[in-house]
Every structure is written in C-alpha cells, then in structure tokens.
Amino acid sequence: MNAALTPFVPGTGARPSTAGVAASKAVDLRDAAAKNPAVQAILEIFPGEVRGVTELKDS
C-alpha cells in the first residue's frame, strides 16, 4: 500500500507518511501553475519549465 494512502489506525502508532503527502501536493501545485493562464503567458515570453512551486497563504 502506498505510504501516502495509509490510513491512521488509532492505537497502532501507524501514521501516513508526510513525505508522500508533501510530494503529492507539490505535483498538484506544479500542475495547477502550469495550467494557469498567467503562467502560460510568462512562459511564452520567457521559455522555461515550472520546477518549484510554493503556495502563498493570504494573511
């Protein structure tokens, strides 16, 4: 079973891997950024690749 999908079972000490969850979220953020029209417009002017994406929180 994938560590990111392992359920928490009370009393066993088993917890899902945070590394798997973080990696999955990073892929989702990168995919969302690549589909964003503003990002596409910038990439048309400055060719490149979306490598790292950081989610900014509103304060």
N, C-alpha and C. Protein backbone atom coordinates (compact mmCIF):
# COMPACT_ATOMS: atom_id res chain seq x y z
N MET A 1 0.86 -1.19 0.00
CA MET A 1 0.00 0.00 0.00
C MET A 1 0.89 1.24 0.00
N ASN A 2 0.53 2.24 -0.75
CA ASN A 2 1.26 3.50 -0.83
C ASN A 2 1.25 4.19 0.52
N ALA A 3 2.41 4.65 0.99
CA ALA A 3 2.51 5.30 2.30
C ALA A 3 1.63 6.54 2.40
N ALA A 4 1.45 7.25 1.28
CA ALA A 4 0.63 8.46 1.29
C ALA A 4 -0.84 8.11 1.48
N LEU A 5 -1.23 6.87 1.20
CA LEU A 5 -2.62 6.47 1.30
C LEU A 5 -2.88 5.59 2.52
N THR A 6 -1.85 5.35 3.34
CA THR A 6 -2.02 4.52 4.52
C THR A 6 -2.87 5.25 5.55
N PRO A 7 -3.98 4.66 5.96
CA PRO A 7 -4.85 5.33 6.93
C PRO A 7 -4.25 5.31 8.33
N PHE A 8 -4.64 6.26 9.14
CA PHE A 8 -4.25 6.29 10.54
C PHE A 8 -5.13 5.31 11.29
N VAL A 9 -4.51 4.42 12.01
CA VAL A 9 -5.25 3.45 12.80
C VAL A 9 -4.95 3.74 14.27
N PRO A 10 -5.95 4.26 15.02
CA PRO A 10 -5.73 4.59 16.43
C PRO A 10 -5.19 3.39 17.21
N GLY A 11 -4.22 3.67 18.08
CA GLY A 11 -3.67 2.64 18.94
C GLY A 11 -2.52 1.86 18.32
N THR A 12 -2.25 2.04 17.03
CA THR A 12 -1.18 1.28 16.40
C THR A 12 0.08 2.11 16.22
N GLY A 13 -0.06 3.42 16.32
CA GLY A 13 1.08 4.30 16.09
C GLY A 13 1.37 4.51 14.62
N ALA A 14 0.59 3.86 13.74
CA ALA A 14 0.79 4.00 12.29
C ALA A 14 0.20 5.31 11.82
N ARG A 15 1.00 6.09 11.16
CA ARG A 15 0.54 7.36 10.60
C ARG A 15 0.98 7.44 9.15
N PRO A 16 0.22 8.13 8.32
CA PRO A 16 0.63 8.27 6.92
C PRO A 16 1.93 9.05 6.79
N SER A 17 2.68 8.75 5.78
CA SER A 17 3.94 9.44 5.53
C SER A 17 3.67 10.88 5.11
N THR A 18 4.28 11.83 5.79
CA THR A 18 4.11 13.23 5.39
C THR A 18 4.92 13.53 4.14
N ALA A 19 5.98 12.76 3.89
CA ALA A 19 6.78 12.98 2.68
C ALA A 19 5.96 12.67 1.44
N GLY A 20 5.17 11.60 1.48
CA GLY A 20 4.33 11.25 0.33
C GLY A 20 3.25 12.28 0.09
N VAL A 21 2.67 12.79 1.17
CA VAL A 21 1.64 13.81 1.06
C VAL A 21 2.23 15.10 0.51
N ALA A 22 3.40 15.49 1.01
CA ALA A 22 4.06 16.72 0.54
C ALA A 22 4.44 16.61 -0.93
N ALA A 23 4.93 15.46 -1.34
CA ALA A 23 5.30 15.26 -2.75
C ALA A 23 4.07 15.33 -3.65
N SER A 24 2.99 14.74 -3.19
CA SER A 24 1.75 14.76 -3.97
C SER A 24 1.23 16.19 -4.10
N LYS A 25 1.30 16.96 -3.02
CA LYS A 25 0.83 18.35 -3.04
C LYS A 25 1.70 19.18 -3.97
N ALA A 26 3.02 18.93 -3.96
CA ALA A 26 3.93 19.68 -4.83
C ALA A 26 3.61 19.41 -6.30
N VAL A 27 3.30 18.17 -6.64
CA VAL A 27 2.95 17.83 -8.02
C VAL A 27 1.65 18.52 -8.40
N ASP A 28 0.67 18.50 -7.48
CA ASP A 28 -0.61 19.16 -7.76
C ASP A 28 -0.42 20.66 -7.96
N LEU A 29 0.40 21.30 -7.12
CA LEU A 29 0.66 22.74 -7.26
C LEU A 29 1.37 23.05 -8.57
N ARG A 30 2.34 22.22 -8.94
CA ARG A 30 3.08 22.43 -10.19
C ARG A 30 2.14 22.28 -11.38
N ASP A 31 1.26 21.29 -11.34
CA ASP A 31 0.30 21.10 -12.44
C ASP A 31 -0.66 22.28 -12.53
N ALA A 32 -1.13 22.77 -11.38
CA ALA A 32 -2.04 23.92 -11.37
C ALA A 32 -1.35 25.16 -11.91
N ALA A 33 -0.09 25.36 -11.54
CA ALA A 33 0.66 26.52 -12.02
C ALA A 33 0.87 26.44 -13.53
N ALA A 34 1.17 25.25 -14.02
CA ALA A 34 1.41 25.08 -15.45
C ALA A 34 0.16 25.34 -16.27
N LYS A 35 -1.02 25.13 -15.69
CA LYS A 35 -2.29 25.35 -16.40
C LYS A 35 -2.79 26.78 -16.25
N ASN A 36 -2.19 27.55 -15.37
CA ASN A 36 -2.63 28.92 -15.11
C ASN A 36 -2.33 29.81 -16.32
N PRO A 37 -3.33 30.57 -16.81
CA PRO A 37 -3.12 31.41 -17.99
C PRO A 37 -2.01 32.45 -17.81
N ALA A 38 -1.85 32.99 -16.62
CA ALA A 38 -0.78 33.98 -16.39
C ALA A 38 0.59 33.32 -16.51
N VAL A 39 0.72 32.13 -15.98
CA VAL A 39 1.99 31.40 -16.08
C VAL A 39 2.27 31.06 -17.54
N GLN A 40 1.25 30.65 -18.27
CA GLN A 40 1.42 30.34 -19.69
C GLN A 40 1.89 31.56 -20.48
N ALA A 41 1.32 32.72 -20.16
CA ALA A 41 1.71 33.96 -20.85
C ALA A 41 3.18 34.29 -20.58
N ILE A 42 3.62 34.12 -19.34
CA ILE A 42 5.02 34.39 -19.00
C ILE A 42 5.94 33.41 -19.70
N LEU A 43 5.52 32.12 -19.75
CA LEU A 43 6.36 31.11 -20.40
C LEU A 43 6.44 31.31 -21.91
N GLU A 44 5.46 31.99 -22.50
CA GLU A 44 5.55 32.31 -23.93
C GLU A 44 6.63 33.35 -24.17
N ILE A 45 6.81 34.27 -23.22
CA ILE A 45 7.83 35.32 -23.35
C ILE A 45 9.19 34.81 -22.90
N PHE A 46 9.21 34.14 -21.77
CA PHE A 46 10.45 33.60 -21.19
C PHE A 46 10.33 32.08 -21.15
N PRO A 47 10.76 31.40 -22.21
CA PRO A 47 10.63 29.94 -22.21
C PRO A 47 11.34 29.31 -21.02
N GLY A 48 10.71 28.35 -20.46
CA GLY A 48 11.29 27.66 -19.30
C GLY A 48 10.39 26.52 -18.88
N GLU A 49 10.64 26.07 -17.69
CA GLU A 49 9.93 24.93 -17.14
C GLU A 49 9.52 25.26 -15.72
N VAL A 50 8.33 24.86 -15.33
CA VAL A 50 7.88 25.06 -13.96
C VAL A 50 8.49 23.94 -13.14
N ARG A 51 9.41 24.30 -12.25
CA ARG A 51 10.09 23.29 -11.43
C ARG A 51 9.61 23.30 -9.99
N GLY A 52 9.66 24.46 -9.37
CA GLY A 52 9.29 24.54 -7.96
C GLY A 52 8.16 25.53 -7.78
N VAL A 53 7.18 25.14 -7.03
CA VAL A 53 6.03 25.99 -6.78
C VAL A 53 5.80 26.07 -5.29
N THR A 54 5.60 27.28 -4.79
CA THR A 54 5.31 27.48 -3.38
C THR A 54 3.95 28.11 -3.25
N GLU A 55 3.11 27.51 -2.40
CA GLU A 55 1.78 28.05 -2.18
C GLU A 55 1.87 29.20 -1.18
N LEU A 56 1.37 30.35 -1.55
CA LEU A 56 1.36 31.51 -0.67
C LEU A 56 0.00 31.60 0.00
N LYS A 57 0.02 31.85 1.29
CA LYS A 57 -1.23 31.96 2.04
C LYS A 57 -1.58 33.42 2.23
N ASP A 58 -2.88 33.73 2.09
CA ASP A 58 -3.35 35.09 2.34
C ASP A 58 -3.28 35.36 3.83
N SER A 59 -2.84 36.58 4.18
CA SER A 59 -2.80 36.91 5.61
C SER A 59 -3.75 37.99 5.95
